[in-house]
Amino acid sequence: MKKNIFFFCAIALLSLSSFSSNVECEYANSNMGYAKSQINAALQTQDINQARFYAYKALSALEKSKNQLNVCGCKYAKESMLENIEVLLLATKSTTLEGTINYLNASIELTNNTILVLESHDTHESAYTSDALSVNTNSTPISKVSYNKSLFETIDISLEKYRISLDKVVESVNCKDATAFARRIHDECEAQLLKPNISEGSKYYNLRTKEITQEALNKIGNCAATK
């Protein structure tokens, strides 16, 4: 009987820890998306100082993702990101625009690779798959992870009202105004997610709000094409 209780407790702990790690992987992926937008902005400029500026912003986003990837446990994504950090450092130090652009092109490939790996991280080895039935005494306590899961579910429910309101904006407001409105919210969420010491609730709220807003932006599409 005691063995059965231990087995089920181990499974519960692993399941809840896996939930927490998946959320951290999503946070990291969000930061990768922000970094990608900054690298693309750098690639579009013909000014070396501007290119360096955007490269530095992308680098900052990657640096802030280190702890998230540690919790996420996807070693392939972490390896790709660490290589990317080195490349972006070279981009910020390059003395020619051509050199900076070359490093940025390498960086965008690494960023795309990291995003791809994170989106399929469940198929890779993670911190929770190598010893599936071995309980780590340093793992997050069940009570804490359960609390987080309950909090996340509450946030998901509350954001359904936002989803409905945003859908109404997409349907009733002209394309450019709806895009500007959604883009402001999307960018603000990205900025919040990059802040240090943000609470778990705020991180999750901003992550989900960003995802819902991105869905709306995808529905809106290209305003120029709708004319």
C-alpha atoms as a PDB file:
ATOM      1  CA  MET A   1       0.000   0.000   0.000  1.00  0.00           C
ATOM      2  CA  LYS A   2       2.788   2.402   0.950  1.00  0.00           C
ATOM      3  CA  LYS A   3       4.547   1.610  -2.336  1.00  0.00           C
ATOM      4  CA  ASN A   4       1.364   2.459  -4.266  1.00  0.00           C
ATOM      5  CA  ILE A   5       0.980   5.767  -2.432  1.00  0.00           C
ATOM      6  CA  PHE A   6       4.609   6.661  -3.153  1.00  0.00           C
ATOM      7  CA  PHE A   7       4.179   5.731  -6.824  1.00  0.00           C
ATOM      8  CA  PHE A   8       1.083   7.908  -7.287  1.00  0.00           C
ATOM      9  CA  CYS A   9       2.698  10.814  -5.424  1.00  0.00           C
ATOM     10  CA  ALA A  10       5.728  10.510  -7.698  1.00  0.00           C
ATOM     11  CA  ILE A  11       3.522  10.557 -10.798  1.00  0.00           C
ATOM     12  CA  ALA A  12       1.587  13.581  -9.489  1.00  0.00           C
ATOM     13  CA  LEU A  13       4.785  15.487  -8.741  1.00  0.00           C
ATOM     14  CA  LEU A  14       6.248  14.722 -12.149  1.00  0.00           C
ATOM     15  CA  SER A  15       3.036  15.727 -13.884  1.00  0.00           C
ATOM     16  CA  LEU A  16       2.800  19.051 -12.051  1.00  0.00           C
ATOM     17  CA  SER A  17       6.502  19.757 -12.506  1.00  0.00           C
ATOM     18  CA  SER A  18       6.112  19.042 -16.212  1.00  0.00           C
ATOM     19  CA  PHE A  19       3.251  21.570 -16.344  1.00  0.00           C
ATOM     20  CA  SER A  20       5.484  24.195 -14.742  1.00  0.00           C
ATOM     21  CA  SER A  21       8.367  23.437 -17.129  1.00  0.00           C
ATOM     22  CA  ASN A  22       6.070  23.696 -20.151  1.00  0.00           C
ATOM     23  CA  VAL A  23       4.976  27.166 -19.082  1.00  0.00           C
ATOM     24  CA  GLU A  24       8.614  28.233 -18.698  1.00  0.00           C
ATOM     25  CA  CYS A  25       9.272  26.912 -22.215  1.00  0.00           C
ATOM     26  CA  GLU A  26       6.427  29.131 -23.459  1.00  0.00           C
ATOM     27  CA  TYR A  27       7.891  32.145 -21.659  1.00  0.00           C
ATOM     28  CA  ALA A  28      11.257  31.450 -23.294  1.00  0.00           C
ATOM     29  CA  ASN A  29       9.605  31.040 -26.691  1.00  0.00           C
ATOM     30  CA  SER A  30       7.875  34.398 -26.237  1.00  0.00           C
ATOM     31  CA  ASN A  31      11.240  36.021 -25.610  1.00  0.00           C
ATOM     32  CA  MET A  32      12.619  34.306 -28.707  1.00  0.00           C
ATOM     33  CA  GLY A  33       9.806  35.899 -30.717  1.00  0.00           C
ATOM     34  CA  TYR A  34      10.734  39.324 -29.372  1.00  0.00           C
ATOM     35  CA  ALA A  35      14.416  38.734 -30.128  1.00  0.00           C
ATOM     36  CA  LYS A  36      13.512  37.685 -33.670  1.00  0.00           C
ATOM     37  CA  SER A  37      11.564  40.917 -34.223  1.00  0.00           C
ATOM     38  CA  GLN A  38      14.586  42.946 -33.100  1.00  0.00           C
ATOM     39  CA  ILE A  39      16.990  41.001 -35.313  1.00  0.00           C
ATOM     40  CA  ASN A  40      14.675  41.518 -38.297  1.00  0.00           C
ATOM     41  CA  ALA A  41      14.582  45.239 -37.516  1.00  0.00           C
ATOM     42  CA  ALA A  42      18.388  45.263 -37.418  1.00  0.00           C
ATOM     43  CA  LEU A  43      18.560  43.505 -40.786  1.00  0.00           C
ATOM     44  CA  GLN A  44      16.313  46.127 -42.381  1.00  0.00           C
ATOM     45  CA  THR A  45      18.429  49.127 -41.424  1.00  0.00           C
ATOM     46  CA  GLN A  46      21.394  50.472 -43.366  1.00  0.00           C
ATOM     47  CA  ASP A  47      22.857  52.215 -40.327  1.00  0.00           C
ATOM     48  CA  ILE A  48      25.436  50.263 -38.336  1.00  0.00           C
ATOM     49  CA  ASN A  49      24.583  52.014 -35.071  1.00  0.00           C
ATOM     50  CA  GLN A  50      20.892  51.182 -35.503  1.00  0.00           C
ATOM     51  CA  ALA A  51      21.773  47.599 -36.403  1.00  0.00           C
ATOM     52  CA  ARG A  52      23.896  47.309 -33.272  1.00  0.00           C
ATOM     53  CA  PHE A  53      21.116  48.843 -31.173  1.00  0.00           C
ATOM     54  CA  TYR A  54      18.553  46.263 -32.301  1.00  0.00           C
ATOM     55  CA  ALA A  55      21.120  43.468 -31.964  1.00  0.00           C
ATOM     56  CA  TYR A  56      21.723  44.535 -28.364  1.00  0.00           C
ATOM     57  CA  LYS A  57      17.976  44.480 -27.623  1.00  0.00           C
ATOM     58  CA  ALA A  58      17.759  40.955 -29.045  1.00  0.00           C
ATOM     59  CA  LEU A  59      20.799  39.935 -27.006  1.00  0.00           C
ATOM     60  CA  SER A  60      19.198  41.303 -23.839  1.00  0.00           C
ATOM     61  CA  ALA A  61      16.061  39.232 -24.476  1.00  0.00           C
ATOM     62  CA  LEU A  62      18.118  36.064 -24.889  1.00  0.00           C
ATOM     63  CA  GLU A  63      20.093  36.727 -21.724  1.00  0.00           C
ATOM     64  CA  LYS A  64      16.840  37.065 -19.785  1.00  0.00           C
ATOM     65  CA  SER A  65      15.715  33.664 -21.082  1.00  0.00           C
ATOM     66  CA  LYS A  66      18.573  31.661 -19.554  1.00  0.00           C
ATOM     67  CA  ASN A  67      16.785  30.829 -16.293  1.00  0.00           C
ATOM     68  CA  GLN A  68      13.564  30.027 -18.134  1.00  0.00           C
ATOM     69  CA  LEU A  69      15.367  27.536 -20.356  1.00  0.00           C
ATOM     70  CA  ASN A  70      17.018  25.981 -17.302  1.00  0.00           C
ATOM     71  CA  VAL A  71      13.559  25.244 -15.888  1.00  0.00           C
ATOM     72  CA  CYS A  72      12.188  24.309 -19.303  1.00  0.00           C
ATOM     73  CA  GLY A  73      14.858  21.636 -19.527  1.00  0.00           C
ATOM     74  CA  CYS A  74      15.202  21.585 -23.326  1.00  0.00           C
ATOM     75  CA  LYS A  75      18.960  21.256 -23.756  1.00  0.00           C
ATOM     76  CA  TYR A  76      18.787  21.605 -27.553  1.00  0.00           C
ATOM     77  CA  ALA A  77      17.070  24.987 -27.289  1.00  0.00           C
ATOM     78  CA  LYS A  78      19.537  26.093 -24.622  1.00  0.00           C
ATOM     79  CA  GLU A  79      22.546  25.089 -26.740  1.00  0.00           C
ATOM     80  CA  SER A  80      21.134  26.951 -29.746  1.00  0.00           C
ATOM     81  CA  MET A  81      20.416  30.043 -27.657  1.00  0.00           C
ATOM     82  CA  LEU A  82      23.875  30.109 -26.058  1.00  0.00           C
ATOM     83  CA  GLU A  83      25.453  29.927 -29.507  1.00  0.00           C
ATOM     84  CA  ASN A  84      23.126  32.725 -30.596  1.00  0.00           C
ATOM     85  CA  ILE A  85      24.260  34.917 -27.689  1.00  0.00           C
ATOM     86  CA  GLU A  86      27.854  34.576 -28.848  1.00  0.00           C
ATOM     87  CA  VAL A  87      26.899  35.484 -32.426  1.00  0.00           C
ATOM     88  CA  LEU A  88      24.898  38.526 -31.329  1.00  0.00           C
ATOM     89  CA  LEU A  89      27.780  39.709 -29.160  1.00  0.00           C
ATOM     90  CA  LEU A  90      29.943  39.656 -32.282  1.00  0.00           C
ATOM     91  CA  ALA A  91      27.230  41.595 -34.148  1.00  0.00           C
ATOM     92  CA  THR A  92      27.291  44.353 -31.514  1.00  0.00           C
ATOM     93  CA  LYS A  93      31.092  44.567 -31.727  1.00  0.00           C
ATOM     94  CA  SER A  94      31.491  44.471 -35.514  1.00  0.00           C
ATOM     95  CA  THR A  95      33.096  47.596 -36.981  1.00  0.00           C
ATOM     96  CA  THR A  96      31.387  47.325 -40.390  1.00  0.00           C
ATOM     97  CA  LEU A  97      27.743  47.148 -41.426  1.00  0.00           C
ATOM     98  CA  GLU A  98      28.512  44.178 -43.677  1.00  0.00           C
ATOM     99  CA  GLY A  99      30.058  42.288 -40.774  1.00  0.00           C
ATOM    100  CA  THR A 100      27.122  43.093 -38.501  1.00  0.00           C
ATOM    101  CA  ILE A 101      24.633  41.928 -41.145  1.00  0.00           C
ATOM    102  CA  ASN A 102      26.518  38.647 -41.612  1.00  0.00           C
ATOM    103  CA  TYR A 103      26.325  37.930 -37.886  1.00  0.00           C
ATOM    104  CA  LEU A 104      22.657  38.935 -37.813  1.00  0.00           C
ATOM    105  CA  ASN A 105      21.857  36.527 -40.649  1.00  0.00           C
ATOM    106  CA  ALA A 106      23.491  33.752 -38.643  1.00  0.00           C
ATOM    107  CA  SER A 107      21.564  34.882 -35.560  1.00  0.00           C
ATOM    108  CA  ILE A 108      18.157  34.805 -37.254  1.00  0.00           C
ATOM    109  CA  GLU A 109      18.794  31.200 -38.306  1.00  0.00           C
ATOM    110  CA  LEU A 110      19.713  30.246 -34.741  1.00  0.00           C
ATOM    111  CA  THR A 111      16.661  32.069 -33.395  1.00  0.00           C
ATOM    112  CA  ASN A 112      14.354  30.245 -35.806  1.00  0.00           C
ATOM    113  CA  ASN A 113      15.992  26.987 -34.782  1.00  0.00           C
ATOM    114  CA  THR A 114      15.471  27.728 -31.078  1.00  0.00           C
ATOM    115  CA  ILE A 115      11.808  28.571 -31.666  1.00  0.00           C
ATOM    116  CA  LEU A 116      11.315  25.382 -33.690  1.00  0.00           C
ATOM    117  CA  VAL A 117      12.964  23.245 -31.015  1.00  0.00           C
ATOM    118  CA  LEU A 118      10.943  24.854 -28.215  1.00  0.00           C
ATOM    119  CA  GLU A 119       7.695  24.265 -30.082  1.00  0.00           C
ATOM    120  CA  SER A 120       8.511  20.543 -30.219  1.00  0.00           C
ATOM    121  CA  HIS A 121      10.372  20.280 -26.900  1.00  0.00           C
ATOM    122  CA  ASP A 122       8.080  17.509 -25.625  1.00  0.00           C
ATOM    123  CA  THR A 123       9.753  15.136 -28.085  1.00  0.00           C
ATOM    124  CA  HIS A 124      13.239  15.914 -26.768  1.00  0.00           C
ATOM    125  CA  GLU A 125      15.034  14.899 -23.608  1.00  0.00           C
ATOM    126  CA  SER A 126      14.100  17.210 -20.763  1.00  0.00           C
ATOM    127  CA  ALA A 127      14.775  17.565 -17.083  1.00  0.00           C
ATOM    128  CA  TYR A 128      11.756  15.352 -16.418  1.00  0.00           C
ATOM    129  CA  THR A 129      12.190  12.545 -18.960  1.00  0.00           C
ATOM    130  CA  SER A 130      15.608  11.089 -18.250  1.00  0.00           C
ATOM    131  CA  ASP A 131      14.580   9.425 -14.970  1.00  0.00           C
ATOM    132  CA  ALA A 132      10.830   9.323 -15.360  1.00  0.00           C
ATOM    133  CA  LEU A 133      10.013   7.659 -12.055  1.00  0.00           C
ATOM    134  CA  SER A 134      12.812   9.156  -9.947  1.00  0.00           C
ATOM    135  CA  VAL A 135      11.597  11.829  -7.549  1.00  0.00           C
ATOM    136  CA  ASN A 136      13.996  14.755  -7.183  1.00  0.00           C
ATOM    137  CA  THR A 137      13.910  16.054  -3.620  1.00  0.00           C
ATOM    138  CA  ASN A 138      14.796  19.517  -4.940  1.00  0.00           C
ATOM    139  CA  SER A 139      11.712  19.662  -7.159  1.00  0.00           C
ATOM    140  CA  THR A 140       9.052  22.322  -6.654  1.00  0.00           C
ATOM    141  CA  PRO A 141       6.673  21.232  -3.837  1.00  0.00           C
ATOM    142  CA  ILE A 142       3.334  19.884  -5.039  1.00  0.00           C
ATOM    143  CA  SER A 143       1.420  22.502  -3.048  1.00  0.00           C
ATOM    144  CA  LYS A 144       3.245  25.372  -4.775  1.00  0.00           C
ATOM    145  CA  VAL A 145       2.856  23.950  -8.293  1.00  0.00           C
ATOM    146  CA  SER A 146      -0.796  23.148  -7.586  1.00  0.00           C
ATOM    147  CA  TYR A 147      -1.318  26.750  -6.511  1.00  0.00           C
ATOM    148  CA  ASN A 148       0.307  27.993  -9.716  1.00  0.00           C
ATOM    149  CA  LYS A 149      -1.818  25.700 -11.833  1.00  0.00           C
ATOM    150  CA  SER A 150      -4.980  26.919 -10.102  1.00  0.00           C
ATOM    151  CA  LEU A 151      -3.876  30.534 -10.607  1.00  0.00           C
ATOM    152  CA  PHE A 152      -3.180  29.915 -14.293  1.00  0.00           C
ATOM    153  CA  GLU A 153      -6.612  28.332 -14.773  1.00  0.00           C
ATOM    154  CA  THR A 154      -8.236  31.365 -13.126  1.00  0.00           C
ATOM    155  CA  ILE A 155      -6.322  33.713 -15.444  1.00  0.00           C
ATOM    156  CA  ASP A 156      -7.365  31.640 -18.474  1.00  0.00           C
ATOM    157  CA  ILE A 157     -11.015  31.974 -17.482  1.00  0.00           C
ATOM    158  CA  SER A 158     -10.730  35.730 -16.919  1.00  0.00           C
ATOM    159  CA  LEU A 159      -9.031  36.237 -20.296  1.00  0.00           C
ATOM    160  CA  GLU A 160     -11.939  34.675 -22.165  1.00  0.00           C
ATOM    161  CA  LYS A 161     -13.778  38.006 -21.735  1.00  0.00           C
ATOM    162  CA  TYR A 162     -10.792  39.780 -23.288  1.00  0.00           C
ATOM    163  CA  ARG A 163     -10.796  37.304 -26.182  1.00  0.00           C
ATOM    164  CA  ILE A 164     -14.489  37.996 -26.865  1.00  0.00           C
ATOM    165  CA  SER A 165     -14.013  41.779 -26.658  1.00  0.00           C
ATOM    166  CA  LEU A 166     -10.996  41.645 -28.965  1.00  0.00           C
ATOM    167  CA  ASP A 167     -12.926  39.574 -31.495  1.00  0.00           C
ATOM    168  CA  LYS A 168     -15.581  42.300 -31.540  1.00  0.00           C
ATOM    169  CA  VAL A 169     -12.888  44.917 -32.195  1.00  0.00           C
ATOM    170  CA  VAL A 170     -11.540  42.841 -35.105  1.00  0.00           C
ATOM    171  CA  GLU A 171     -15.035  42.488 -36.580  1.00  0.00           C
ATOM    172  CA  SER A 172     -16.305  46.050 -36.104  1.00  0.00           C
ATOM    173  CA  VAL A 173     -13.301  48.419 -36.225  1.00  0.00           C
ATOM    174  CA  ASN A 174     -11.508  49.376 -39.447  1.00  0.00           C
ATOM    175  CA  CYS A 175      -8.412  47.344 -40.247  1.00  0.00           C
ATOM    176  CA  LYS A 176      -5.706  49.918 -39.465  1.00  0.00           C
ATOM    177  CA  ASP A 177      -7.221  51.013 -36.156  1.00  0.00           C
ATOM    178  CA  ALA A 178      -7.817  47.417 -35.058  1.00  0.00           C
ATOM    179  CA  THR A 179      -4.233  46.513 -35.969  1.00  0.00           C
ATOM    180  CA  ALA A 180      -2.805  49.497 -34.079  1.00  0.00           C
ATOM    181  CA  PHE A 181      -4.938  48.678 -31.014  1.00  0.00           C
ATOM    182  CA  ALA A 182      -3.928  45.003 -30.962  1.00  0.00           C
ATOM    183  CA  ARG A 183      -0.281  45.752 -31.741  1.00  0.00           C
ATOM    184  CA  ARG A 184      -0.026  48.124 -28.743  1.00  0.00           C
ATOM    185  CA  ILE A 185      -1.312  45.425 -26.412  1.00  0.00           C
ATOM    186  CA  HIS A 186       0.936  42.785 -27.974  1.00  0.00           C
ATOM    187  CA  ASP A 187       4.049  44.966 -27.634  1.00  0.00           C
ATOM    188  CA  GLU A 188       3.209  45.929 -24.064  1.00  0.00           C
ATOM    189  CA  CYS A 189       2.895  42.253 -23.124  1.00  0.00           C
ATOM    190  CA  GLU A 190       6.298  41.539 -24.686  1.00  0.00           C
ATOM    191  CA  ALA A 191       7.832  44.394 -22.711  1.00  0.00           C
ATOM    192  CA  GLN A 192       6.291  43.131 -19.466  1.00  0.00           C
ATOM    193  CA  LEU A 193       7.573  39.595 -20.056  1.00  0.00           C
ATOM    194  CA  LEU A 194      11.118  40.879 -20.363  1.00  0.00           C
ATOM    195  CA  LYS A 195      11.032  42.609 -16.978  1.00  0.00           C
ATOM    196  CA  PRO A 196      13.069  41.012 -14.163  1.00  0.00           C
ATOM    197  CA  ASN A 197      11.363  39.829 -10.961  1.00  0.00           C
ATOM    198  CA  ILE A 198       7.902  39.775 -12.528  1.00  0.00           C
ATOM    199  CA  SER A 199       5.464  37.582 -10.568  1.00  0.00           C
ATOM    200  CA  GLU A 200       4.357  34.196 -11.921  1.00  0.00           C
ATOM    201  CA  GLY A 201       0.786  35.450 -12.235  1.00  0.00           C
ATOM    202  CA  SER A 202       1.835  38.534 -14.198  1.00  0.00           C
ATOM    203  CA  LYS A 203       4.103  36.486 -16.451  1.00  0.00           C
ATOM    204  CA  TYR A 204       1.335  34.032 -17.265  1.00  0.00           C
ATOM    205  CA  TYR A 205      -1.250  36.794 -17.731  1.00  0.00           C
ATOM    206  CA  ASN A 206       0.981  38.665 -20.188  1.00  0.00           C
ATOM    207  CA  LEU A 207       1.956  35.484 -22.025  1.00  0.00           C
ATOM    208  CA  ARG A 208      -1.647  34.433 -22.590  1.00  0.00           C
ATOM    209  CA  THR A 209      -2.748  37.982 -23.426  1.00  0.00           C
ATOM    210  CA  LYS A 210       0.022  38.191 -26.001  1.00  0.00           C
ATOM    211  CA  GLU A 211      -1.031  34.865 -27.538  1.00  0.00           C
ATOM    212  CA  ILE A 212      -4.708  35.881 -27.739  1.00  0.00           C
ATOM    213  CA  THR A 213      -3.732  39.230 -29.262  1.00  0.00           C
ATOM    214  CA  GLN A 214      -1.452  37.530 -31.795  1.00  0.00           C
ATOM    215  CA  GLU A 215      -4.385  35.349 -32.858  1.00  0.00           C
ATOM    216  CA  ALA A 216      -6.403  38.534 -33.416  1.00  0.00           C
ATOM    217  CA  LEU A 217      -3.589  40.070 -35.460  1.00  0.00           C
ATOM    218  CA  ASN A 218      -3.478  36.921 -37.577  1.00  0.00           C
ATOM    219  CA  LYS A 219      -7.227  37.255 -38.194  1.00  0.00           C
ATOM    220  CA  ILE A 220      -6.845  40.905 -39.192  1.00  0.00           C
ATOM    221  CA  GLY A 221      -4.066  40.050 -41.631  1.00  0.00           C
ATOM    222  CA  ASN A 222      -2.579  42.565 -44.045  1.00  0.00           C
ATOM    223  CA  CYS A 223      -4.656  45.752 -44.203  1.00  0.00           C
ATOM    224  CA  ALA A 224      -3.219  46.656 -47.598  1.00  0.00           C
ATOM    225  CA  ALA A 225      -4.483  43.376 -49.032  1.00  0.00           C
ATOM    226  CA  THR A 226      -8.044  44.027 -47.828  1.00  0.00           C
ATOM    227  CA  LYS A 227      -8.492  47.241 -49.817  1.00  0.00           C
END
